[in-house]
N, C-alpha and C. Protein backbone atom coordinates (compact mmCIF):
# COMPACT_ATOMS: atom_id res chain seq x y z
N MET A 1 77.41 156.56 133.89
CA MET A 1 76.83 157.75 133.30
C MET A 1 75.65 158.17 134.15
N ARG A 2 75.64 159.40 134.64
CA ARG A 2 74.57 159.85 135.51
C ARG A 2 73.39 160.35 134.71
N GLY A 3 73.60 161.18 133.75
CA GLY A 3 72.48 161.73 133.01
C GLY A 3 72.83 161.98 131.57
N LEU A 4 71.84 161.97 130.72
CA LEU A 4 72.04 162.18 129.30
C LEU A 4 70.97 163.16 128.83
N PRO A 5 71.36 164.39 128.42
CA PRO A 5 70.36 165.34 127.97
C PRO A 5 69.69 164.86 126.69
N LEU A 6 68.42 165.07 126.60
CA LEU A 6 67.64 164.75 125.41
C LEU A 6 67.03 166.02 124.85
N GLY A 7 66.57 165.95 123.62
CA GLY A 7 65.84 167.08 123.06
C GLY A 7 64.60 167.36 123.88
N GLY A 8 64.09 168.59 123.81
CA GLY A 8 62.90 168.94 124.55
C GLY A 8 63.18 169.24 126.02
N GLY A 9 64.46 169.34 126.41
CA GLY A 9 64.78 169.72 127.76
C GLY A 9 64.64 168.62 128.80
N LEU A 10 64.62 167.36 128.39
CA LEU A 10 64.51 166.27 129.35
C LEU A 10 65.89 165.71 129.65
N VAL A 11 66.06 165.21 130.86
CA VAL A 11 67.28 164.53 131.24
C VAL A 11 66.90 163.08 131.52
N VAL A 12 67.62 162.14 130.93
CA VAL A 12 67.37 160.72 131.16
C VAL A 12 68.45 160.21 132.09
N ILE A 13 68.04 159.52 133.13
CA ILE A 13 68.99 158.84 133.98
C ILE A 13 68.76 157.36 133.78
N MET A 14 69.76 156.67 133.29
CA MET A 14 69.65 155.23 133.13
C MET A 14 69.81 154.66 134.52
N ALA A 15 68.70 154.29 135.13
CA ALA A 15 68.71 154.08 136.56
C ALA A 15 68.72 152.64 136.99
N LEU A 16 67.90 151.82 136.44
CA LEU A 16 67.61 150.57 137.10
C LEU A 16 67.68 149.39 136.16
N ALA A 17 68.42 148.40 136.55
CA ALA A 17 68.42 147.13 135.83
C ALA A 17 67.73 146.14 136.75
N SER A 18 66.46 145.96 136.57
CA SER A 18 65.68 145.16 137.51
C SER A 18 64.47 144.59 136.80
N PRO A 19 63.66 143.81 137.54
CA PRO A 19 62.40 143.38 136.96
C PRO A 19 61.54 144.58 136.57
N LEU A 20 61.81 145.71 137.18
CA LEU A 20 61.07 146.93 136.89
C LEU A 20 61.95 147.89 136.10
N ARG A 21 62.68 147.37 135.15
CA ARG A 21 63.61 148.18 134.37
C ARG A 21 62.95 149.51 134.02
N ALA A 22 63.62 150.58 134.36
CA ALA A 22 63.02 151.89 134.16
C ALA A 22 64.08 152.91 133.78
N GLU A 23 63.66 153.89 133.07
CA GLU A 23 64.47 155.07 132.81
C GLU A 23 63.76 156.20 133.53
N VAL A 24 64.52 156.97 134.25
CA VAL A 24 63.95 158.08 134.98
C VAL A 24 64.09 159.32 134.12
N LEU A 25 62.98 159.87 133.70
CA LEU A 25 63.00 161.10 132.92
C LEU A 25 62.75 162.27 133.85
N LEU A 26 63.72 163.13 133.96
CA LEU A 26 63.56 164.33 134.77
C LEU A 26 63.58 165.54 133.86
N THR A 27 62.64 166.43 134.08
CA THR A 27 62.67 167.70 133.36
C THR A 27 63.80 168.54 133.94
N PRO A 28 64.24 169.57 133.25
CA PRO A 28 65.27 170.45 133.82
C PRO A 28 64.83 171.01 135.19
N GLU A 29 63.55 171.31 135.34
CA GLU A 29 63.05 171.83 136.61
C GLU A 29 63.18 170.78 137.72
N GLN A 30 62.84 169.53 137.40
CA GLN A 30 62.97 168.46 138.39
C GLN A 30 64.43 168.21 138.74
N GLU A 31 65.28 168.23 137.72
CA GLU A 31 66.72 168.05 137.96
C GLU A 31 67.24 169.15 138.87
N GLN A 32 66.81 170.38 138.66
CA GLN A 32 67.23 171.49 139.51
C GLN A 32 66.74 171.29 140.94
N LYS A 33 65.52 170.77 141.10
CA LYS A 33 64.99 170.49 142.44
C LYS A 33 65.86 169.46 143.15
N VAL A 34 66.21 168.39 142.44
CA VAL A 34 67.06 167.35 143.04
C VAL A 34 68.39 167.96 143.45
N ARG A 35 69.01 168.72 142.58
CA ARG A 35 70.32 169.30 142.88
C ARG A 35 70.27 170.31 144.02
N SER A 36 69.10 170.91 144.24
CA SER A 36 68.96 171.86 145.36
C SER A 36 68.57 171.16 146.66
N GLY A 37 68.45 169.83 146.62
CA GLY A 37 68.18 169.10 147.85
C GLY A 37 66.77 168.56 148.00
N GLU A 38 65.89 168.88 147.07
CA GLU A 38 64.53 168.34 147.15
C GLU A 38 64.52 166.88 146.67
N ILE A 39 63.47 166.19 147.04
CA ILE A 39 63.26 164.82 146.60
C ILE A 39 62.14 164.84 145.58
N VAL A 40 62.39 164.27 144.42
CA VAL A 40 61.41 164.26 143.33
C VAL A 40 60.75 162.89 143.28
N VAL A 41 59.42 162.90 143.18
CA VAL A 41 58.64 161.67 143.06
C VAL A 41 58.03 161.64 141.67
N LYS A 42 58.28 160.55 140.95
CA LYS A 42 57.73 160.38 139.60
C LYS A 42 56.68 159.27 139.63
N VAL A 43 55.47 159.61 139.22
CA VAL A 43 54.41 158.61 139.09
C VAL A 43 53.95 158.65 137.64
N VAL A 44 54.17 157.53 136.94
CA VAL A 44 53.79 157.46 135.54
C VAL A 44 52.37 156.94 135.41
N SER A 45 52.11 155.81 136.03
CA SER A 45 50.77 155.22 136.02
C SER A 45 50.69 154.20 137.15
N PRO A 46 49.48 153.82 137.56
CA PRO A 46 49.33 152.90 138.69
C PRO A 46 50.00 151.53 138.49
N ASP A 47 50.16 151.10 137.25
CA ASP A 47 50.76 149.78 137.01
C ASP A 47 52.29 149.85 136.85
N ARG A 48 52.84 151.04 136.96
CA ARG A 48 54.30 151.23 136.85
C ARG A 48 54.85 151.60 138.23
N PRO A 49 56.14 151.40 138.44
CA PRO A 49 56.70 151.75 139.75
C PRO A 49 56.68 153.26 140.00
N VAL A 50 56.55 153.61 141.26
CA VAL A 50 56.76 154.99 141.69
C VAL A 50 58.27 155.14 141.83
N VAL A 51 58.83 156.22 141.30
CA VAL A 51 60.27 156.44 141.33
C VAL A 51 60.56 157.69 142.16
N VAL A 52 61.53 157.55 143.05
CA VAL A 52 61.94 158.65 143.92
C VAL A 52 63.41 158.92 143.67
N VAL A 53 63.77 160.20 143.48
CA VAL A 53 65.15 160.59 143.22
C VAL A 53 65.52 161.70 144.19
N GLY A 54 66.67 161.53 144.84
CA GLY A 54 67.14 162.55 145.77
C GLY A 54 68.61 162.35 146.09
N LEU A 55 69.17 163.32 146.80
CA LEU A 55 70.59 163.30 147.14
C LEU A 55 70.79 163.00 148.62
N VAL A 56 71.90 162.34 148.92
CA VAL A 56 72.33 162.08 150.29
C VAL A 56 73.76 162.59 150.41
N ASP A 57 74.03 163.37 151.46
CA ASP A 57 75.37 163.94 151.66
C ASP A 57 76.29 162.93 152.33
N ALA A 58 76.66 161.93 151.56
CA ALA A 58 77.61 160.90 151.99
C ALA A 58 78.19 160.27 150.73
N PRO A 59 79.41 159.75 150.82
CA PRO A 59 80.00 159.09 149.66
C PRO A 59 79.11 157.94 149.17
N PRO A 60 79.13 157.67 147.87
CA PRO A 60 78.26 156.62 147.32
C PRO A 60 78.45 155.24 147.97
N GLU A 61 79.69 154.86 148.27
CA GLU A 61 79.93 153.55 148.87
C GLU A 61 79.29 153.46 150.25
N GLN A 62 79.42 154.53 151.05
CA GLN A 62 78.80 154.57 152.38
C GLN A 62 77.28 154.55 152.27
N THR A 63 76.75 155.32 151.35
CA THR A 63 75.30 155.37 151.16
C THR A 63 74.76 154.00 150.78
N PHE A 64 75.44 153.33 149.87
CA PHE A 64 74.98 152.01 149.46
C PHE A 64 75.07 151.01 150.61
N ARG A 65 76.14 151.08 151.40
CA ARG A 65 76.26 150.19 152.56
C ARG A 65 75.08 150.36 153.51
N ILE A 66 74.65 151.58 153.71
CA ILE A 66 73.49 151.84 154.59
C ILE A 66 72.24 151.21 154.00
N TYR A 67 71.99 151.46 152.72
CA TYR A 67 70.78 150.92 152.08
C TYR A 67 70.79 149.40 152.02
N SER A 68 71.95 148.79 151.92
CA SER A 68 72.00 147.33 151.82
C SER A 68 72.21 146.65 153.17
N ASP A 69 72.12 147.40 154.25
CA ASP A 69 72.23 146.86 155.61
C ASP A 69 70.82 146.46 156.10
N PHE A 70 70.28 145.44 155.47
CA PHE A 70 68.88 145.04 155.69
C PHE A 70 68.59 144.69 157.15
N ALA A 71 69.55 144.12 157.85
CA ALA A 71 69.33 143.73 159.25
C ALA A 71 69.06 144.94 160.15
N ASN A 72 69.52 146.11 159.73
CA ASN A 72 69.34 147.31 160.55
C ASN A 72 68.26 148.26 160.02
N TYR A 73 67.39 147.78 159.15
CA TYR A 73 66.33 148.64 158.63
C TYR A 73 65.43 149.18 159.74
N GLY A 74 65.26 148.44 160.82
CA GLY A 74 64.47 148.95 161.94
C GLY A 74 65.07 150.23 162.48
N ARG A 75 66.38 150.23 162.68
CA ARG A 75 67.08 151.41 163.20
C ARG A 75 67.16 152.53 162.16
N ILE A 76 67.38 152.17 160.91
CA ILE A 76 67.55 153.18 159.85
C ILE A 76 66.22 153.80 159.44
N PHE A 77 65.21 152.96 159.24
CA PHE A 77 63.93 153.42 158.69
C PHE A 77 62.79 153.42 159.71
N GLY A 78 63.07 153.03 160.94
CA GLY A 78 62.03 153.03 161.96
C GLY A 78 60.99 151.94 161.80
N LEU A 79 61.39 150.82 161.18
CA LEU A 79 60.45 149.71 161.01
C LEU A 79 60.32 148.94 162.32
N PRO A 80 59.12 148.44 162.64
CA PRO A 80 58.95 147.69 163.87
C PRO A 80 59.59 146.30 163.82
N GLU A 81 59.89 145.83 162.61
CA GLU A 81 60.52 144.52 162.46
C GLU A 81 61.40 144.52 161.22
N SER A 82 62.63 144.07 161.37
CA SER A 82 63.53 143.89 160.22
C SER A 82 64.57 142.87 160.61
N GLN A 83 64.64 141.80 159.84
CA GLN A 83 65.66 140.79 160.10
C GLN A 83 66.01 140.06 158.81
N VAL A 84 67.28 139.74 158.71
CA VAL A 84 67.75 138.91 157.60
C VAL A 84 67.51 137.47 158.02
N THR A 85 66.77 136.73 157.20
CA THR A 85 66.45 135.35 157.53
C THR A 85 67.37 134.35 156.83
N HIS A 86 67.99 134.77 155.72
CA HIS A 86 68.90 133.88 155.00
C HIS A 86 69.73 134.72 154.04
N GLN A 87 70.98 134.32 153.88
CA GLN A 87 71.84 134.99 152.90
C GLN A 87 72.72 133.94 152.24
N GLU A 88 72.75 134.00 150.92
CA GLU A 88 73.60 133.11 150.15
C GLU A 88 74.17 133.90 148.99
N GLY A 89 75.48 134.10 149.02
CA GLY A 89 76.11 134.92 147.98
C GLY A 89 75.57 136.34 148.04
N ASN A 90 75.13 136.83 146.89
CA ASN A 90 74.61 138.19 146.85
C ASN A 90 73.08 138.24 146.95
N THR A 91 72.46 137.12 147.34
CA THR A 91 71.01 137.06 147.52
C THR A 91 70.68 137.04 149.01
N VAL A 92 69.81 137.95 149.41
CA VAL A 92 69.45 138.11 150.82
C VAL A 92 67.94 137.99 150.96
N LEU A 93 67.50 137.18 151.91
CA LEU A 93 66.08 137.13 152.28
C LEU A 93 65.92 137.91 153.57
N GLY A 94 64.95 138.82 153.57
CA GLY A 94 64.71 139.62 154.76
C GLY A 94 63.23 139.78 155.03
N ARG A 95 62.87 139.76 156.30
CA ARG A 95 61.49 139.96 156.71
C ARG A 95 61.38 141.36 157.32
N PHE A 96 60.40 142.12 156.81
CA PHE A 96 60.21 143.50 157.23
C PHE A 96 58.74 143.74 157.51
N ALA A 97 58.46 144.53 158.52
CA ALA A 97 57.08 144.84 158.86
C ALA A 97 56.88 146.35 158.88
N VAL A 98 55.66 146.76 158.59
CA VAL A 98 55.26 148.16 158.59
C VAL A 98 53.94 148.25 159.35
N ASP A 99 53.83 149.23 160.23
CA ASP A 99 52.58 149.46 160.94
C ASP A 99 51.74 150.48 160.18
N PHE A 100 50.55 150.06 159.76
CA PHE A 100 49.61 150.95 159.10
C PHE A 100 48.64 151.50 160.14
N PRO A 101 48.01 152.62 159.84
CA PRO A 101 47.05 153.18 160.80
C PRO A 101 45.87 152.23 161.03
N TRP A 102 45.23 152.43 162.17
CA TRP A 102 44.03 151.66 162.48
C TRP A 102 43.03 151.88 161.35
N PRO A 103 42.32 150.92 160.90
CA PRO A 103 42.12 149.59 161.45
C PRO A 103 42.98 148.52 160.76
N PHE A 104 43.98 148.93 160.00
CA PHE A 104 44.72 147.97 159.16
C PHE A 104 45.81 147.21 159.90
N GLY A 105 46.47 147.85 160.84
CA GLY A 105 47.48 147.16 161.63
C GLY A 105 48.77 146.87 160.89
N ARG A 106 49.49 145.90 161.37
CA ARG A 106 50.82 145.56 160.86
C ARG A 106 50.71 144.69 159.60
N ARG A 107 51.52 145.03 158.61
CA ARG A 107 51.68 144.23 157.40
C ARG A 107 53.15 143.86 157.31
N TRP A 108 53.44 142.69 156.73
CA TRP A 108 54.82 142.26 156.63
C TRP A 108 55.09 141.67 155.26
N THR A 109 56.36 141.63 154.93
CA THR A 109 56.79 141.05 153.66
C THR A 109 58.12 140.33 153.86
N LEU A 110 58.26 139.22 153.19
CA LEU A 110 59.54 138.52 153.09
C LEU A 110 60.07 138.83 151.70
N ASN A 111 61.15 139.59 151.65
CA ASN A 111 61.72 140.02 150.37
C ASN A 111 62.98 139.26 150.03
N GLU A 112 63.15 139.03 148.74
CA GLU A 112 64.42 138.52 148.23
C GLU A 112 65.10 139.68 147.52
N ALA A 113 66.29 140.01 147.99
CA ALA A 113 67.07 141.08 147.37
C ALA A 113 68.31 140.49 146.73
N VAL A 114 68.62 140.96 145.53
CA VAL A 114 69.87 140.60 144.85
C VAL A 114 70.72 141.86 144.86
N VAL A 115 71.85 141.78 145.55
CA VAL A 115 72.69 142.94 145.80
C VAL A 115 73.92 142.89 144.89
N GLU A 116 74.19 144.01 144.22
CA GLU A 116 75.36 144.15 143.37
C GLU A 116 76.20 145.33 143.86
N PRO A 117 77.04 145.11 144.87
CA PRO A 117 77.79 146.22 145.46
C PRO A 117 78.67 146.97 144.46
N ALA A 118 79.27 146.28 143.51
CA ALA A 118 80.17 146.94 142.55
C ALA A 118 79.41 147.98 141.73
N ARG A 119 78.12 147.71 141.46
CA ARG A 119 77.30 148.65 140.70
C ARG A 119 76.44 149.53 141.62
N ARG A 120 76.51 149.27 142.93
CA ARG A 120 75.71 149.99 143.94
C ARG A 120 74.22 149.95 143.58
N ILE A 121 73.74 148.74 143.38
CA ILE A 121 72.33 148.54 143.04
C ILE A 121 71.83 147.26 143.71
N PHE A 122 70.57 147.25 144.09
CA PHE A 122 69.93 145.99 144.45
C PHE A 122 68.50 146.00 143.94
N THR A 123 68.04 144.81 143.61
CA THR A 123 66.66 144.62 143.20
C THR A 123 66.00 143.77 144.28
N PHE A 124 64.69 143.92 144.41
CA PHE A 124 63.99 143.14 145.43
C PHE A 124 62.61 142.77 144.93
N LYS A 125 62.10 141.67 145.50
CA LYS A 125 60.73 141.26 145.19
C LYS A 125 60.18 140.46 146.36
N ARG A 126 58.90 140.57 146.55
CA ARG A 126 58.20 139.89 147.62
C ARG A 126 58.19 138.39 147.36
N ARG A 127 58.48 137.61 148.39
CA ARG A 127 58.40 136.15 148.32
C ARG A 127 57.23 135.62 149.14
N ASP A 128 56.85 136.35 150.20
CA ASP A 128 55.78 135.91 151.08
C ASP A 128 55.34 137.13 151.89
N GLY A 129 54.20 136.99 152.56
CA GLY A 129 53.78 138.06 153.45
C GLY A 129 52.37 138.54 153.18
N THR A 130 51.97 139.53 153.95
CA THR A 130 50.62 140.08 153.81
C THR A 130 50.53 141.13 152.70
N PHE A 131 51.67 141.64 152.25
CA PHE A 131 51.67 142.50 151.07
C PHE A 131 51.33 141.64 149.86
N LYS A 132 50.57 142.18 148.94
CA LYS A 132 50.26 141.45 147.70
C LYS A 132 51.42 141.61 146.71
N ILE A 133 51.93 142.84 146.60
CA ILE A 133 53.03 143.14 145.69
C ILE A 133 54.00 144.07 146.41
N TYR A 134 55.28 143.78 146.32
CA TYR A 134 56.33 144.70 146.71
C TYR A 134 57.58 144.29 145.95
N GLU A 135 57.92 145.08 144.95
CA GLU A 135 59.08 144.79 144.13
C GLU A 135 59.67 146.08 143.61
N GLY A 136 60.95 146.04 143.33
CA GLY A 136 61.57 147.24 142.81
C GLY A 136 63.08 147.16 142.86
N SER A 137 63.69 148.34 142.94
CA SER A 137 65.15 148.41 142.97
C SER A 137 65.59 149.73 143.56
N LEU A 138 66.84 149.74 143.96
CA LEU A 138 67.46 150.95 144.48
C LEU A 138 68.86 151.02 143.90
N ARG A 139 69.23 152.22 143.49
CA ARG A 139 70.57 152.42 142.93
C ARG A 139 71.16 153.70 143.50
N VAL A 140 72.44 153.64 143.79
CA VAL A 140 73.17 154.79 144.29
C VAL A 140 74.20 155.19 143.25
N LEU A 141 74.14 156.42 142.82
CA LEU A 141 75.09 156.95 141.84
C LEU A 141 75.95 158.02 142.49
N ALA A 142 77.15 158.20 141.99
CA ALA A 142 78.05 159.24 142.51
C ALA A 142 77.64 160.59 141.92
N GLU A 143 77.19 161.47 142.77
CA GLU A 143 76.93 162.86 142.37
C GLU A 143 78.25 163.63 142.47
N SER A 144 79.04 163.28 143.48
CA SER A 144 80.39 163.79 143.70
C SER A 144 81.07 162.76 144.63
N PRO A 145 82.34 162.94 144.95
CA PRO A 145 82.96 161.97 145.87
C PRO A 145 82.31 161.91 147.25
N THR A 146 81.62 162.98 147.64
CA THR A 146 81.01 163.03 148.98
C THR A 146 79.49 163.14 148.96
N ARG A 147 78.91 162.96 147.79
CA ARG A 147 77.45 163.10 147.66
C ARG A 147 76.91 162.02 146.73
N SER A 148 75.76 161.47 147.11
CA SER A 148 75.16 160.37 146.35
C SER A 148 73.79 160.75 145.82
N ARG A 149 73.49 160.25 144.63
CA ARG A 149 72.16 160.35 144.06
C ARG A 149 71.50 158.98 144.25
N VAL A 150 70.34 158.98 144.90
CA VAL A 150 69.63 157.74 145.18
C VAL A 150 68.40 157.68 144.27
N ILE A 151 68.24 156.54 143.61
CA ILE A 151 67.07 156.31 142.76
C ILE A 151 66.39 155.05 143.27
N TYR A 152 65.20 155.24 143.79
CA TYR A 152 64.42 154.13 144.36
C TYR A 152 63.15 154.00 143.54
N ALA A 153 62.89 152.80 143.06
CA ALA A 153 61.67 152.53 142.29
C ALA A 153 60.98 151.34 142.91
N ALA A 154 59.69 151.47 143.14
CA ALA A 154 58.96 150.35 143.75
C ALA A 154 57.53 150.32 143.27
N ARG A 155 57.04 149.11 143.16
CA ARG A 155 55.63 148.86 142.89
C ARG A 155 55.11 148.12 144.11
N ILE A 156 54.04 148.64 144.69
CA ILE A 156 53.58 148.08 145.95
C ILE A 156 52.06 147.98 145.97
N ASP A 157 51.58 146.90 146.54
CA ASP A 157 50.17 146.73 146.87
C ASP A 157 50.15 146.12 148.26
N PRO A 158 49.86 146.94 149.29
CA PRO A 158 49.89 146.42 150.65
C PRO A 158 48.69 145.53 151.00
N ASN A 159 47.84 145.27 150.01
CA ASN A 159 46.70 144.37 150.22
C ASN A 159 45.75 144.92 151.27
N LEU A 160 45.45 146.22 151.13
CA LEU A 160 44.51 146.88 152.03
C LEU A 160 43.19 147.10 151.30
N PRO A 161 42.08 147.08 152.02
CA PRO A 161 40.78 147.29 151.37
C PRO A 161 40.51 148.78 151.10
N VAL A 162 41.36 149.37 150.25
CA VAL A 162 41.20 150.77 149.86
C VAL A 162 41.37 150.87 148.35
N PRO A 163 40.83 151.91 147.72
CA PRO A 163 40.99 152.07 146.28
C PRO A 163 42.46 152.28 145.90
N PRO A 164 42.86 151.82 144.72
CA PRO A 164 44.26 151.98 144.27
C PRO A 164 44.75 153.43 144.29
N TRP A 165 43.87 154.38 144.04
CA TRP A 165 44.33 155.78 144.03
C TRP A 165 44.78 156.22 145.42
N ILE A 166 44.20 155.65 146.47
CA ILE A 166 44.63 156.00 147.83
C ILE A 166 46.02 155.42 148.09
N VAL A 167 46.26 154.20 147.62
CA VAL A 167 47.58 153.60 147.77
C VAL A 167 48.62 154.45 147.04
N GLN A 168 48.30 154.86 145.82
CA GLN A 168 49.24 155.68 145.05
C GLN A 168 49.47 157.03 145.73
N TRP A 169 48.41 157.65 146.23
CA TRP A 169 48.53 158.92 146.94
C TRP A 169 49.45 158.76 148.14
N ALA A 170 49.28 157.69 148.90
CA ALA A 170 50.12 157.44 150.08
C ALA A 170 51.57 157.22 149.68
N GLN A 171 51.81 156.47 148.59
CA GLN A 171 53.17 156.22 148.13
C GLN A 171 53.88 157.53 147.80
N GLU A 172 53.19 158.43 147.15
CA GLU A 172 53.79 159.71 146.76
C GLU A 172 54.24 160.50 147.98
N ARG A 173 53.58 160.30 149.11
CA ARG A 173 53.93 161.03 150.31
C ARG A 173 54.91 160.28 151.21
N VAL A 174 54.89 158.94 151.17
CA VAL A 174 55.71 158.13 152.06
C VAL A 174 57.05 157.74 151.43
N PHE A 175 57.08 157.45 150.14
CA PHE A 175 58.31 156.96 149.50
C PHE A 175 59.50 157.92 149.65
N PRO A 176 59.31 159.25 149.67
CA PRO A 176 60.48 160.11 149.91
C PRO A 176 61.17 159.84 151.24
N ASP A 177 60.46 159.20 152.19
CA ASP A 177 61.09 158.85 153.46
C ASP A 177 62.24 157.86 153.28
N VAL A 178 62.25 157.13 152.18
CA VAL A 178 63.36 156.22 151.88
C VAL A 178 64.66 157.02 151.80
N ILE A 179 64.59 158.24 151.32
CA ILE A 179 65.77 159.10 151.23
C ILE A 179 65.93 159.93 152.50
N ARG A 180 64.82 160.49 153.00
CA ARG A 180 64.89 161.30 154.22
C ARG A 180 65.47 160.52 155.40
N SER A 181 65.07 159.27 155.54
CA SER A 181 65.55 158.45 156.67
C SER A 181 67.05 158.24 156.60
N VAL A 182 67.58 158.01 155.41
CA VAL A 182 69.03 157.81 155.29
C VAL A 182 69.76 159.13 155.49
N ARG A 183 69.19 160.22 155.04
CA ARG A 183 69.80 161.52 155.33
C ARG A 183 69.92 161.72 156.84
N SER A 184 68.87 161.43 157.57
CA SER A 184 68.88 161.57 159.03
C SER A 184 69.88 160.62 159.67
N PHE A 185 69.92 159.39 159.19
CA PHE A 185 70.85 158.39 159.71
C PHE A 185 72.29 158.85 159.52
N VAL A 186 72.62 159.37 158.34
CA VAL A 186 73.96 159.88 158.05
C VAL A 186 74.28 161.05 158.97
N ALA A 187 73.34 161.96 159.14
CA ALA A 187 73.56 163.13 160.00
C ALA A 187 73.83 162.70 161.44
N LYS A 188 73.11 161.70 161.94
CA LYS A 188 73.34 161.20 163.31
C LYS A 188 74.72 160.55 163.43
N GLN A 189 75.14 159.83 162.37
CA GLN A 189 76.48 159.23 162.39
C GLN A 189 77.55 160.32 162.43
N ASP A 190 77.34 161.39 161.65
CA ASP A 190 78.31 162.49 161.61
C ASP A 190 78.38 163.19 162.96
N GLU A 191 77.24 163.34 163.64
CA GLU A 191 77.22 163.99 164.95
C GLU A 191 77.97 163.19 166.00
N SER A 192 77.97 161.88 165.85
CA SER A 192 78.63 161.03 166.86
C SER A 192 80.14 160.93 166.67
N LEU A 193 80.66 161.51 165.60
CA LEU A 193 82.11 161.45 165.36
C LEU A 193 82.89 162.41 166.23
């Protein structure tokens, strides 16, 4: 089920079964933005995950394969470091690094992801690294046979000496790149065909 209309003009998307279990409430205006190709960022409060919703012009199975290809996150998302360090069943350990502006430098995280391909969802949480908190989930829903709705929710504390409102402000501007990067990756794959 993709969406369920509620009274008051809200649309509920039952999005995530994770440690950050969340329901994404989109107003009709936000839903229209998503359907027109915009990426919507939902911030409820600093202690709750930031949720990003957007569309990718690729079949849901292909979109999920891209998002769950952790070893290639460097190529897909432009990370300076991404490698799978261990995999057992549907649990994957991966080390990822992000370069922050001077004077903060590189931060890294070792994440444990539990991947459920049949449901096109994975949850993740930090196991080690310089990040204090990084946990959340990603789900891919079928918008149509050739289009995917991506719902990414994450709670992050990069352990930087800045006020929490700056971290939240940055998340609101950077998290949509989770969708933009995959859109670009898909477009490059299509061009090479």
